[in-house]
C-alpha atoms as a PDB file:
ATOM      1  CA  MET A   1     114.482  94.323 122.054  1.00  0.00           C
ATOM      2  CA  GLU A   2     117.154  94.811 124.744  1.00  0.00           C
ATOM      3  CA  GLU A   3     114.748  97.018 126.714  1.00  0.00           C
ATOM      4  CA  LYS A   4     112.089  94.309 126.529  1.00  0.00           C
ATOM      5  CA  GLN A   5     114.593  91.695 127.727  1.00  0.00           C
ATOM      6  CA  ASN A   6     115.574  93.888 130.695  1.00  0.00           C
ATOM      7  CA  LYS A   7     111.886  94.341 131.553  1.00  0.00           C
ATOM      8  CA  ASN A   8     111.336  90.572 131.483  1.00  0.00           C
ATOM      9  CA  ASN A   9     114.360  89.955 133.694  1.00  0.00           C
ATOM     10  CA  SER A  10     113.108  92.585 136.161  1.00  0.00           C
ATOM     11  CA  ASN A  11     109.612  91.076 136.211  1.00  0.00           C
ATOM     12  CA  ASN A  12     110.987  87.563 136.689  1.00  0.00           C
ATOM     13  CA  LYS A  13     113.056  88.729 139.668  1.00  0.00           C
ATOM     14  CA  LEU A  14     109.962  90.394 141.131  1.00  0.00           C
ATOM     15  CA  CYS A  15     107.878  87.240 140.694  1.00  0.00           C
ATOM     16  CA  ASP A  16     110.711  85.049 142.033  1.00  0.00           C
ATOM     17  CA  THR A  17     110.847  87.228 145.141  1.00  0.00           C
ATOM     18  CA  ALA A  18     107.109  86.982 145.571  1.00  0.00           C
ATOM     19  CA  HIS A  19     107.275  83.224 145.099  1.00  0.00           C
ATOM     20  CA  SER A  20     110.060  82.680 147.633  1.00  0.00           C
ATOM     21  CA  GLY A  21     108.442  84.949 150.162  1.00  0.00           C
ATOM     22  CA  SER A  22     104.892  83.832 149.611  1.00  0.00           C
ATOM     23  CA  ASN A  23     104.402  82.784 153.198  1.00  0.00           C
ATOM     24  CA  SER A  24     105.529  86.183 154.472  1.00  0.00           C
ATOM     25  CA  SER A  25     102.904  88.656 155.695  1.00  0.00           C
ATOM     26  CA  SER A  26     104.816  91.598 154.260  1.00  0.00           C
ATOM     27  CA  ALA A  27     102.469  94.187 152.804  1.00  0.00           C
ATOM     28  CA  ASP A  28     104.744  94.920 149.865  1.00  0.00           C
ATOM     29  CA  ARG A  29     104.763  91.328 148.627  1.00  0.00           C
ATOM     30  CA  PRO A  30     103.316  91.165 145.056  1.00  0.00           C
ATOM     31  CA  VAL A  31     100.041  89.307 144.730  1.00  0.00           C
ATOM     32  CA  ARG A  32     100.520  86.405 142.333  1.00  0.00           C
ATOM     33  CA  VAL A  33      97.629  86.362 139.888  1.00  0.00           C
ATOM     34  CA  TYR A  34      97.273  83.634 137.288  1.00  0.00           C
ATOM     35  CA  ALA A  35      95.429  83.882 133.946  1.00  0.00           C
ATOM     36  CA  ASP A  36      95.318  81.177 131.317  1.00  0.00           C
ATOM     37  CA  GLY A  37      94.011  80.506 127.826  1.00  0.00           C
ATOM     38  CA  ILE A  38      94.920  79.488 124.293  1.00  0.00           C
ATOM     39  CA  TYR A  39      95.718  82.996 123.001  1.00  0.00           C
ATOM     40  CA  ASP A  40      95.558  81.996 119.344  1.00  0.00           C
ATOM     41  CA  LEU A  41      95.835  84.979 116.959  1.00  0.00           C
ATOM     42  CA  PHE A  42      96.660  87.168 119.955  1.00  0.00           C
ATOM     43  CA  HIS A  43      94.516  90.335 119.759  1.00  0.00           C
ATOM     44  CA  PHE A  44      93.620  93.410 121.811  1.00  0.00           C
ATOM     45  CA  GLY A  45      90.780  91.526 123.524  1.00  0.00           C
ATOM     46  CA  HIS A  46      93.394  89.201 125.039  1.00  0.00           C
ATOM     47  CA  ALA A  47      95.583  92.159 125.987  1.00  0.00           C
ATOM     48  CA  ARG A  48      92.702  93.957 127.732  1.00  0.00           C
ATOM     49  CA  SER A  49      91.810  90.920 129.822  1.00  0.00           C
ATOM     50  CA  LEU A  50      95.445  90.594 130.887  1.00  0.00           C
ATOM     51  CA  GLU A  51      95.547  94.296 131.707  1.00  0.00           C
ATOM     52  CA  GLN A  52      92.547  93.862 134.001  1.00  0.00           C
ATOM     53  CA  ALA A  53      94.238  90.924 135.720  1.00  0.00           C
ATOM     54  CA  LYS A  54      97.436  92.923 136.157  1.00  0.00           C
ATOM     55  CA  LYS A  55      95.528  95.824 137.746  1.00  0.00           C
ATOM     56  CA  LEU A  56      93.493  93.737 140.202  1.00  0.00           C
ATOM     57  CA  PHE A  57      95.887  94.759 142.972  1.00  0.00           C
ATOM     58  CA  PRO A  58      98.288  97.682 143.416  1.00  0.00           C
ATOM     59  CA  ASN A  59     101.238  95.272 143.397  1.00  0.00           C
ATOM     60  CA  THR A  60     100.584  92.318 141.107  1.00  0.00           C
ATOM     61  CA  CYS A  61     102.784  89.669 139.565  1.00  0.00           C
ATOM     62  CA  LEU A  62     100.863  88.322 136.569  1.00  0.00           C
ATOM     63  CA  LEU A  63     101.543  84.767 135.497  1.00  0.00           C
ATOM     64  CA  VAL A  64      99.954  83.617 132.232  1.00  0.00           C
ATOM     65  CA  GLY A  65      99.530  79.953 131.390  1.00  0.00           C
ATOM     66  CA  CYS A  66      99.171  78.821 127.788  1.00  0.00           C
ATOM     67  CA  CYS A  67      98.100  75.313 126.740  1.00  0.00           C
ATOM     68  CA  ASN A  68     100.256  73.411 124.249  1.00  0.00           C
ATOM     69  CA  ASP A  69      99.129  72.225 120.816  1.00  0.00           C
ATOM     70  CA  GLU A  70      98.403  68.642 121.855  1.00  0.00           C
ATOM     71  CA  ILE A  71      95.938  69.425 124.627  1.00  0.00           C
ATOM     72  CA  THR A  72      94.377  72.364 122.703  1.00  0.00           C
ATOM     73  CA  HIS A  73      93.751  70.341 119.542  1.00  0.00           C
ATOM     74  CA  LYS A  74      92.289  67.545 121.651  1.00  0.00           C
ATOM     75  CA  TYR A  75      89.805  69.614 123.669  1.00  0.00           C
ATOM     76  CA  LYS A  76      89.195  72.753 121.598  1.00  0.00           C
ATOM     77  CA  GLY A  77      90.316  72.227 118.012  1.00  0.00           C
ATOM     78  CA  LYS A  78      93.016  73.201 115.572  1.00  0.00           C
ATOM     79  CA  THR A  79      94.842  76.470 116.128  1.00  0.00           C
ATOM     80  CA  VAL A  80      96.219  78.875 113.532  1.00  0.00           C
ATOM     81  CA  MET A  81      99.401  79.602 115.459  1.00  0.00           C
ATOM     82  CA  THR A  82     101.725  76.981 116.893  1.00  0.00           C
ATOM     83  CA  GLU A  83     102.330  76.734 120.624  1.00  0.00           C
ATOM     84  CA  SER A  84     105.748  78.406 120.360  1.00  0.00           C
ATOM     85  CA  GLU A  85     104.214  81.317 118.427  1.00  0.00           C
ATOM     86  CA  ARG A  86     101.505  81.713 121.058  1.00  0.00           C
ATOM     87  CA  TYR A  87     104.036  81.646 123.897  1.00  0.00           C
ATOM     88  CA  GLU A  88     106.144  84.294 122.163  1.00  0.00           C
ATOM     89  CA  SER A  89     103.135  86.542 121.563  1.00  0.00           C
ATOM     90  CA  LEU A  90     102.399  86.528 125.291  1.00  0.00           C
ATOM     91  CA  ARG A  91     105.999  87.362 126.173  1.00  0.00           C
ATOM     92  CA  HIS A  92     105.675  90.570 124.142  1.00  0.00           C
ATOM     93  CA  CYS A  93     102.579  91.762 126.040  1.00  0.00           C
ATOM     94  CA  LYS A  94     103.611  94.455 128.535  1.00  0.00           C
ATOM     95  CA  TRP A  95     101.130  93.278 131.199  1.00  0.00           C
ATOM     96  CA  VAL A  96     102.639  89.785 131.433  1.00  0.00           C
ATOM     97  CA  ASP A  97     105.373  89.121 134.017  1.00  0.00           C
ATOM     98  CA  GLU A  98     105.847  85.419 133.368  1.00  0.00           C
ATOM     99  CA  VAL A  99     104.623  82.890 130.812  1.00  0.00           C
ATOM    100  CA  ILE A 100     103.944  79.300 131.906  1.00  0.00           C
ATOM    101  CA  PRO A 101     104.046  76.935 128.881  1.00  0.00           C
ATOM    102  CA  ASP A 102     102.193  73.618 128.791  1.00  0.00           C
ATOM    103  CA  ALA A 103      99.502  74.891 131.135  1.00  0.00           C
ATOM    104  CA  PRO A 104      96.918  72.334 132.314  1.00  0.00           C
ATOM    105  CA  TRP A 105      93.391  72.339 130.889  1.00  0.00           C
ATOM    106  CA  VAL A 106      91.818  72.139 134.361  1.00  0.00           C
ATOM    107  CA  LEU A 107      93.403  73.818 137.385  1.00  0.00           C
ATOM    108  CA  THR A 108      94.130  71.793 140.499  1.00  0.00           C
ATOM    109  CA  GLN A 109      95.313  72.584 144.000  1.00  0.00           C
ATOM    110  CA  GLU A 110      98.633  70.952 143.173  1.00  0.00           C
ATOM    111  CA  PHE A 111      99.197  73.387 140.282  1.00  0.00           C
ATOM    112  CA  LEU A 112      98.246  76.387 142.446  1.00  0.00           C
ATOM    113  CA  ASP A 113     100.666  75.299 145.162  1.00  0.00           C
ATOM    114  CA  LYS A 114     103.488  74.621 142.695  1.00  0.00           C
ATOM    115  CA  HIS A 115     103.389  78.184 141.364  1.00  0.00           C
ATOM    116  CA  ASN A 116     102.221  79.747 144.639  1.00  0.00           C
ATOM    117  CA  ILE A 117      99.183  81.288 142.935  1.00  0.00           C
ATOM    118  CA  ASP A 118      97.007  83.576 145.080  1.00  0.00           C
ATOM    119  CA  TYR A 119      94.191  84.206 142.601  1.00  0.00           C
ATOM    120  CA  VAL A 120      93.020  83.100 139.169  1.00  0.00           C
ATOM    121  CA  ALA A 121      91.602  85.740 136.807  1.00  0.00           C
ATOM    122  CA  HIS A 122      89.121  85.016 134.022  1.00  0.00           C
ATOM    123  CA  ASP A 123      85.715  86.165 132.785  1.00  0.00           C
ATOM    124  CA  SER A 124      82.781  84.809 134.776  1.00  0.00           C
ATOM    125  CA  LEU A 125      81.078  82.881 131.983  1.00  0.00           C
ATOM    126  CA  PRO A 126      81.153  79.119 132.607  1.00  0.00           C
ATOM    127  CA  TYR A 127      83.872  77.540 130.457  1.00  0.00           C
ATOM    128  CA  ALA A 128      82.760  74.026 129.526  1.00  0.00           C
ATOM    129  CA  ASP A 129      85.207  71.347 130.558  1.00  0.00           C
ATOM    130  CA  ALA A 130      85.708  69.242 127.440  1.00  0.00           C
ATOM    131  CA  SER A 131      87.971  66.868 129.355  1.00  0.00           C
ATOM    132  CA  GLY A 132      85.010  65.624 131.363  1.00  0.00           C
ATOM    133  CA  ALA A 133      86.473  66.504 134.748  1.00  0.00           C
ATOM    134  CA  GLY A 134      83.638  68.878 135.527  1.00  0.00           C
ATOM    135  CA  LYS A 135      81.072  71.343 134.161  1.00  0.00           C
ATOM    136  CA  ASP A 136      83.402  74.348 134.394  1.00  0.00           C
ATOM    137  CA  VAL A 137      87.206  74.347 134.196  1.00  0.00           C
ATOM    138  CA  TYR A 138      87.265  77.041 136.904  1.00  0.00           C
ATOM    139  CA  GLU A 139      84.790  75.228 139.153  1.00  0.00           C
ATOM    140  CA  PHE A 140      87.420  74.268 141.729  1.00  0.00           C
ATOM    141  CA  VAL A 141      89.005  77.734 141.881  1.00  0.00           C
ATOM    142  CA  LYS A 142      85.605  79.360 142.376  1.00  0.00           C
ATOM    143  CA  SER A 143      84.772  76.913 145.143  1.00  0.00           C
ATOM    144  CA  VAL A 144      87.890  77.788 147.166  1.00  0.00           C
ATOM    145  CA  GLY A 145      87.393  81.559 146.756  1.00  0.00           C
ATOM    146  CA  LYS A 146      90.407  82.260 144.581  1.00  0.00           C
ATOM    147  CA  PHE A 147      88.597  83.403 141.448  1.00  0.00           C
ATOM    148  CA  LYS A 148      88.733  87.023 140.242  1.00  0.00           C
ATOM    149  CA  GLU A 149      86.452  88.168 137.434  1.00  0.00           C
ATOM    150  CA  THR A 150      87.598  90.065 134.354  1.00  0.00           C
ATOM    151  CA  LYS A 151      85.396  91.434 131.554  1.00  0.00           C
ATOM    152  CA  ARG A 152      85.449  90.268 127.965  1.00  0.00           C
ATOM    153  CA  THR A 153      85.864  92.796 125.137  1.00  0.00           C
ATOM    154  CA  ASP A 154      82.789  92.727 122.908  1.00  0.00           C
ATOM    155  CA  GLY A 155      83.210  92.457 119.149  1.00  0.00           C
ATOM    156  CA  ILE A 156      86.582  90.724 119.098  1.00  0.00           C
ATOM    157  CA  SER A 157      87.615  87.116 119.566  1.00  0.00           C
ATOM    158  CA  THR A 158      89.765  84.532 117.821  1.00  0.00           C
ATOM    159  CA  SER A 159      86.625  82.806 116.531  1.00  0.00           C
ATOM    160  CA  ASP A 160      85.354  86.098 115.070  1.00  0.00           C
ATOM    161  CA  ILE A 161      88.648  86.704 113.262  1.00  0.00           C
ATOM    162  CA  ILE A 162      88.630  83.202 111.784  1.00  0.00           C
ATOM    163  CA  MET A 163      84.977  83.664 110.716  1.00  0.00           C
ATOM    164  CA  ARG A 164      85.898  86.856 108.841  1.00  0.00           C
ATOM    165  CA  ILE A 165      88.642  85.029 106.974  1.00  0.00           C
ATOM    166  CA  VAL A 166      86.359  82.121 106.095  1.00  0.00           C
ATOM    167  CA  LYS A 167      83.581  84.488 104.985  1.00  0.00           C
ATOM    168  CA  ASP A 168      85.882  86.337 102.585  1.00  0.00           C
ATOM    169  CA  TYR A 169      87.970  83.276 101.733  1.00  0.00           C
ATOM    170  CA  ASN A 170      88.089  83.888  97.968  1.00  0.00           C
ATOM    171  CA  GLN A 171      89.239  87.483  98.420  1.00  0.00           C
ATOM    172  CA  TYR A 172      92.093  86.419 100.686  1.00  0.00           C
ATOM    173  CA  VAL A 173      93.119  83.668  98.242  1.00  0.00           C
ATOM    174  CA  MET A 174      93.169  86.213  95.374  1.00  0.00           C
ATOM    175  CA  ARG A 175      95.095  88.611  97.611  1.00  0.00           C
ATOM    176  CA  ASN A 176      97.793  86.020  98.259  1.00  0.00           C
ATOM    177  CA  LEU A 177      97.903  84.842  94.637  1.00  0.00           C
ATOM    178  CA  ASP A 178      98.443  88.458  93.642  1.00  0.00           C
ATOM    179  CA  ARG A 179     101.315  88.639  96.148  1.00  0.00           C
ATOM    180  CA  GLY A 180     103.133  85.682  94.599  1.00  0.00           C
ATOM    181  CA  TYR A 181     101.889  82.655  96.543  1.00  0.00           C
ATOM    182  CA  THR A 182     101.357  79.501  94.478  1.00  0.00           C
ATOM    183  CA  ARG A 183      98.092  77.596  94.347  1.00  0.00           C
ATOM    184  CA  LYS A 184      99.802  74.595  95.980  1.00  0.00           C
ATOM    185  CA  GLU A 185     100.864  76.712  98.942  1.00  0.00           C
ATOM    186  CA  LEU A 186      97.269  77.894  99.284  1.00  0.00           C
ATOM    187  CA  GLY A 187      95.760  74.436  98.736  1.00  0.00           C
ATOM    188  CA  VAL A 188      93.785  75.601  95.687  1.00  0.00           C
ATOM    189  CA  SER A 189      93.027  73.495  92.594  1.00  0.00           C
ATOM    190  CA  TYR A 190      94.118  74.539  89.092  1.00  0.00           C
ATOM    191  CA  VAL A 191      90.541  75.271  87.985  1.00  0.00           C
ATOM    192  CA  LYS A 192      89.756  77.341  91.080  1.00  0.00           C
ATOM    193  CA  GLU A 193      92.985  79.299  90.665  1.00  0.00           C
ATOM    194  CA  LYS A 194      92.109  80.257  87.069  1.00  0.00           C
ATOM    195  CA  ARG A 195      88.548  81.160  88.015  1.00  0.00           C
ATOM    196  CA  LEU A 196      89.736  83.373  90.861  1.00  0.00           C
ATOM    197  CA  MET A 197      92.320  85.051  88.634  1.00  0.00           C
ATOM    198  CA  VAL A 198      89.612  85.876  86.073  1.00  0.00           C
ATOM    199  CA  ASN A 199      87.379  87.245  88.828  1.00  0.00           C
ATOM    200  CA  MET A 200      90.262  89.335  90.134  1.00  0.00           C
ATOM    201  CA  ARG A 201      90.899  90.851  86.684  1.00  0.00           C
ATOM    202  CA  LEU A 202      87.188  91.544  86.186  1.00  0.00           C
ATOM    203  CA  LYS A 203      87.058  93.255  89.557  1.00  0.00           C
ATOM    204  CA  LYS A 204      90.029  95.464  88.677  1.00  0.00           C
ATOM    205  CA  LEU A 205      88.438  96.291  85.313  1.00  0.00           C
ATOM    206  CA  HIS A 206      85.175  97.184  87.026  1.00  0.00           C
ATOM    207  CA  GLU A 207      87.035  99.479  89.412  1.00  0.00           C
ATOM    208  CA  LYS A 208      88.789 101.220  86.499  1.00  0.00           C
ATOM    209  CA  VAL A 209      85.499 101.720  84.632  1.00  0.00           C
ATOM    210  CA  LYS A 210      83.887 103.128  87.765  1.00  0.00           C
ATOM    211  CA  GLU A 211      86.852 105.450  88.246  1.00  0.00           C
ATOM    212  CA  HIS A 212      86.591 106.724  84.646  1.00  0.00           C
ATOM    213  CA  GLN A 213      82.844 107.227  85.015  1.00  0.00           C
ATOM    214  CA  GLU A 214      83.415 109.368  88.071  1.00  0.00           C
ATOM    215  CA  LYS A 215      86.032 111.430  86.227  1.00  0.00           C
ATOM    216  CA  VAL A 216      83.692 111.940  83.266  1.00  0.00           C
ATOM    217  CA  GLY A 217      80.917 113.003  85.632  1.00  0.00           C
ATOM    218  CA  GLU A 218      83.244 115.546  87.238  1.00  0.00           C
ATOM    219  CA  LYS A 219      84.208 116.936  83.816  1.00  0.00           C
ATOM    220  CA  ILE A 220      80.549 117.277  82.802  1.00  0.00           C
ATOM    221  CA  GLN A 221      79.842 119.223  85.971  1.00  0.00           C
ATOM    222  CA  THR A 222      82.855 121.452  85.298  1.00  0.00           C
ATOM    223  CA  VAL A 223      81.759 122.172  81.717  1.00  0.00           C
ATOM    224  CA  ALA A 224      78.213 122.869  82.859  1.00  0.00           C
ATOM    225  CA  LYS A 225      79.422 125.346  85.463  1.00  0.00           C
ATOM    226  CA  THR A 226      81.696 127.028  82.912  1.00  0.00           C
ATOM    227  CA  ALA A 227      78.763 127.458  80.524  1.00  0.00           C
ATOM    228  CA  GLY A 228      76.729 129.013  83.334  1.00  0.00           C
ATOM    229  CA  MET A 229      74.048 126.361  83.464  1.00  0.00           C
ATOM    230  CA  HIS A 230      73.122 123.306  85.468  1.00  0.00           C
ATOM    231  CA  ARG A 231      73.583 119.825  84.134  1.00  0.00           C
ATOM    232  CA  ASN A 232      69.875 119.361  83.261  1.00  0.00           C
ATOM    233  CA  GLU A 233      69.833 122.617  81.314  1.00  0.00           C
ATOM    234  CA  TRP A 234      72.939 121.504  79.445  1.00  0.00           C
ATOM    235  CA  VAL A 235      71.271 118.248  78.383  1.00  0.00           C
ATOM    236  CA  GLU A 236      68.102 120.039  77.265  1.00  0.00           C
ATOM    237  CA  ASN A 237      70.076 122.508  75.139  1.00  0.00           C
ATOM    238  CA  ALA A 238      72.133 119.723  73.629  1.00  0.00           C
ATOM    239  CA  ASP A 239      68.943 117.938  72.529  1.00  0.00           C
ATOM    240  CA  ARG A 240      67.618 121.140  70.949  1.00  0.00           C
ATOM    241  CA  TRP A 241      70.881 121.715  69.053  1.00  0.00           C
ATOM    242  CA  VAL A 242      70.927 118.176  67.698  1.00  0.00           C
ATOM    243  CA  ALA A 243      67.258 118.436  66.645  1.00  0.00           C
ATOM    244  CA  GLY A 244      67.978 121.681  64.786  1.00  0.00           C
ATOM    245  CA  PHE A 245      70.879 120.136  62.931  1.00  0.00           C
ATOM    246  CA  LEU A 246      68.783 117.139  61.848  1.00  0.00           C
ATOM    247  CA  GLU A 247      66.026 119.462  60.617  1.00  0.00           C
ATOM    248  CA  MET A 248      68.477 121.451  58.487  1.00  0.00           C
ATOM    249  CA  PHE A 249      69.972 118.244  57.129  1.00  0.00           C
ATOM    250  CA  GLU A 250      66.562 116.869  56.178  1.00  0.00           C
ATOM    251  CA  GLU A 251      65.611 120.113  54.384  1.00  0.00           C
ATOM    252  CA  GLY A 252      68.885 120.082  52.416  1.00  0.00           C
ATOM    253  CA  CYS A 253      68.344 116.495  51.323  1.00  0.00           C
ATOM    254  CA  HIS A 254      64.815 117.296  50.154  1.00  0.00           C
ATOM    255  CA  LYS A 255      66.020 120.223  48.008  1.00  0.00           C
ATOM    256  CA  MET A 256      68.784 118.130  46.459  1.00  0.00           C
ATOM    257  CA  GLY A 257      66.331 115.337  45.629  1.00  0.00           C
ATOM    258  CA  THR A 258      63.915 117.791  43.975  1.00  0.00           C
ATOM    259  CA  ALA A 259      66.691 119.181  41.782  1.00  0.00           C
ATOM    260  CA  ILE A 260      67.736 115.691  40.656  1.00  0.00           C
ATOM    261  CA  ARG A 261      64.153 114.766  39.790  1.00  0.00           C
ATOM    262  CA  ASP A 262      63.651 117.984  37.739  1.00  0.00           C
ATOM    263  CA  ARG A 263      66.856 117.337  35.796  1.00  0.00           C
ATOM    264  CA  ILE A 264      65.785 113.783  34.936  1.00  0.00           C
ATOM    265  CA  GLN A 265      62.332 114.894  33.790  1.00  0.00           C
ATOM    266  CA  GLU A 266      63.890 117.586  31.596  1.00  0.00           C
ATOM    267  CA  ARG A 267      66.083 114.983  29.864  1.00  0.00           C
ATOM    268  CA  LEU A 268      63.081 112.730  29.271  1.00  0.00           C
ATOM    269  CA  ARG A 269      61.095 115.544  27.639  1.00  0.00           C
ATOM    270  CA  GLY A 270      64.053 116.252  25.316  1.00  0.00           C
ATOM    271  CA  GLN A 271      64.187 112.624  24.206  1.00  0.00           C
ATOM    272  CA  GLN A 272      60.432 112.479  23.523  1.00  0.00           C
ATOM    273  CA  SER A 273      60.660 115.513  21.206  1.00  0.00           C
ATOM    274  CA  ARG A 274      62.996 113.619  18.760  1.00  0.00           C
ATOM    275  CA  GLY A 275      60.238 111.229  17.621  1.00  0.00           C
ATOM    276  CA  PRO A 276      59.965 107.408  17.424  1.00  0.00           C
ATOM    277  CA  THR A 277      62.056 106.912  14.220  1.00  0.00           C
ATOM    278  CA  TYR A 278      65.727 105.987  14.584  1.00  0.00           C
ATOM    279  CA  LEU A 279      68.327 105.713  11.814  1.00  0.00           C
ATOM    280  CA  LEU A 280      70.594 102.791  11.196  1.00  0.00           C
ATOM    281  CA  GLN A 281      74.308 103.179  10.484  1.00  0.00           C
ATOM    282  CA  ASN A 282      73.782 103.221   6.604  1.00  0.00           C
ATOM    283  CA  GLY A 283      71.268 106.109   6.788  1.00  0.00           C
ATOM    284  CA  LYS A 284      68.188 104.023   5.743  1.00  0.00           C
ATOM    285  CA  GLU A 285      65.011 103.470   7.698  1.00  0.00           C
ATOM    286  CA  ASP A 286      64.724 100.221   9.528  1.00  0.00           C
ATOM    287  CA  ASN A 287      61.406  98.570   8.636  1.00  0.00           C
ATOM    288  CA  ASN A 288      62.078  95.469  10.699  1.00  0.00           C
ATOM    289  CA  ASP A 289      59.403  95.456  13.403  1.00  0.00           C
ATOM    290  CA  ASP A 290      61.151  92.652  15.273  1.00  0.00           C
ATOM    291  CA  GLU A 291      64.251  94.707  16.149  1.00  0.00           C
ATOM    292  CA  GLU A 292      64.448  98.039  17.936  1.00  0.00           C
ATOM    293  CA  TYR A 293      67.434 100.203  18.727  1.00  0.00           C
ATOM    294  CA  TYR A 294      67.774 101.460  22.269  1.00  0.00           C
ATOM    295  CA  ASP A 295      70.035 104.202  23.588  1.00  0.00           C
ATOM    296  CA  ASP A 296      71.994 102.765  26.531  1.00  0.00           C
ATOM    297  CA  ASP A 297      72.265 106.193  28.129  1.00  0.00           C
ATOM    298  CA  ASP A 298      68.488 106.686  27.931  1.00  0.00           C
ATOM    299  CA  ASP A 299      67.931 103.253  29.476  1.00  0.00           C
ATOM    300  CA  TYR A 300      70.235 104.086  32.386  1.00  0.00           C
ATOM    301  CA  GLU A 301      68.518 107.422  32.957  1.00  0.00           C
ATOM    302  CA  ASP A 302      65.090 105.729  32.952  1.00  0.00           C
ATOM    303  CA  GLU A 303      66.264 103.304  35.677  1.00  0.00           C
ATOM    304  CA  GLU A 304      67.685 106.188  37.673  1.00  0.00           C
ATOM    305  CA  TYR A 305      64.410 108.070  37.291  1.00  0.00           C
ATOM    306  CA  TYR A 306      62.275 105.158  38.511  1.00  0.00           C
ATOM    307  CA  ALA A 307      64.621 104.577  41.426  1.00  0.00           C
ATOM    308  CA  GLU A 308      64.329 108.243  42.422  1.00  0.00           C
ATOM    309  CA  GLU A 309      60.553 108.157  42.019  1.00  0.00           C
ATOM    310  CA  GLU A 310      60.257 105.108  44.291  1.00  0.00           C
ATOM    311  CA  TYR A 311      62.468 106.786  46.903  1.00  0.00           C
ATOM    312  CA  TYR A 312      60.362 109.949  47.038  1.00  0.00           C
ATOM    313  CA  ASP A 313      57.110 107.978  47.017  1.00  0.00           C
ATOM    314  CA  GLU A 314      58.314 106.147  50.135  1.00  0.00           C
ATOM    315  CA  GLU A 315      59.367 109.433  51.742  1.00  0.00           C
ATOM    316  CA  GLU A 316      55.925 110.939  51.036  1.00  0.00           C
ATOM    317  CA  LYS A 317      54.221 107.925  52.662  1.00  0.00           C
ATOM    318  CA  LYS A 318      56.355 108.295  55.754  1.00  0.00           C
ATOM    319  CA  LYS A 319      55.291 111.910  56.096  1.00  0.00           C
END
């Protein structure tokens, strides 16, 4: 910081010398070049244009004018940074020798004389004069032969940066909510805050699932390599192994069912061999045709038999 302050003091002395001796024909007198702008969200495109202005001559004193908030908001629109922040950003650019706050929107001869400006540097594209004084804010400077052209840096501008933020507005809101900002500080409603928080959690969950899927895929590849086969061969073998297991299981079930059916039929044949006559508890025959005695165990076995028969009938149909 102290080094930067010393540099600024040195540059100011250089520019003061050039200013006081502006009418001198000395060859070593710095050429006073002026560049102006808004310099909102100061970026490398701004810095490159100032570098070009600084290097227009071997010995250059670069003065940079910056418009205040009032005139900028009136003719161009709202800025992100305040005027004091924009002034300070320029002071920390190494190409700048002096910052002129409250710069005018349109340059006049009076302003050039006041600051003893030799040339004005800017890109050559016409800059519409929103104040209504003319078609181009640099029209007068061009007419008197004091305009020096610089080149714009493609792909970067304050408008482009703002457009990126607006385009991904929800992501930046979620980013700041995640960092502890309140919805009131961000100007977000209660409903929108909750919806964004849910979206943020879903996004994190999706990222975790994707991460696990990638890990599982890596493990499958590792196992496949260890087994000495490619992934497709591994899948084909796995299908064959599962099919073999199911076949063995089906065969075992069929044998078990056949054994159960044979056992039931054997019990039924044993019951039929005892005959139709049943004894009562007193040892006499029961001649009452209206009442019959049933063995509960036999009844249960009959139901089991019919249930088994229906099951195997259905299995036979399926085959």
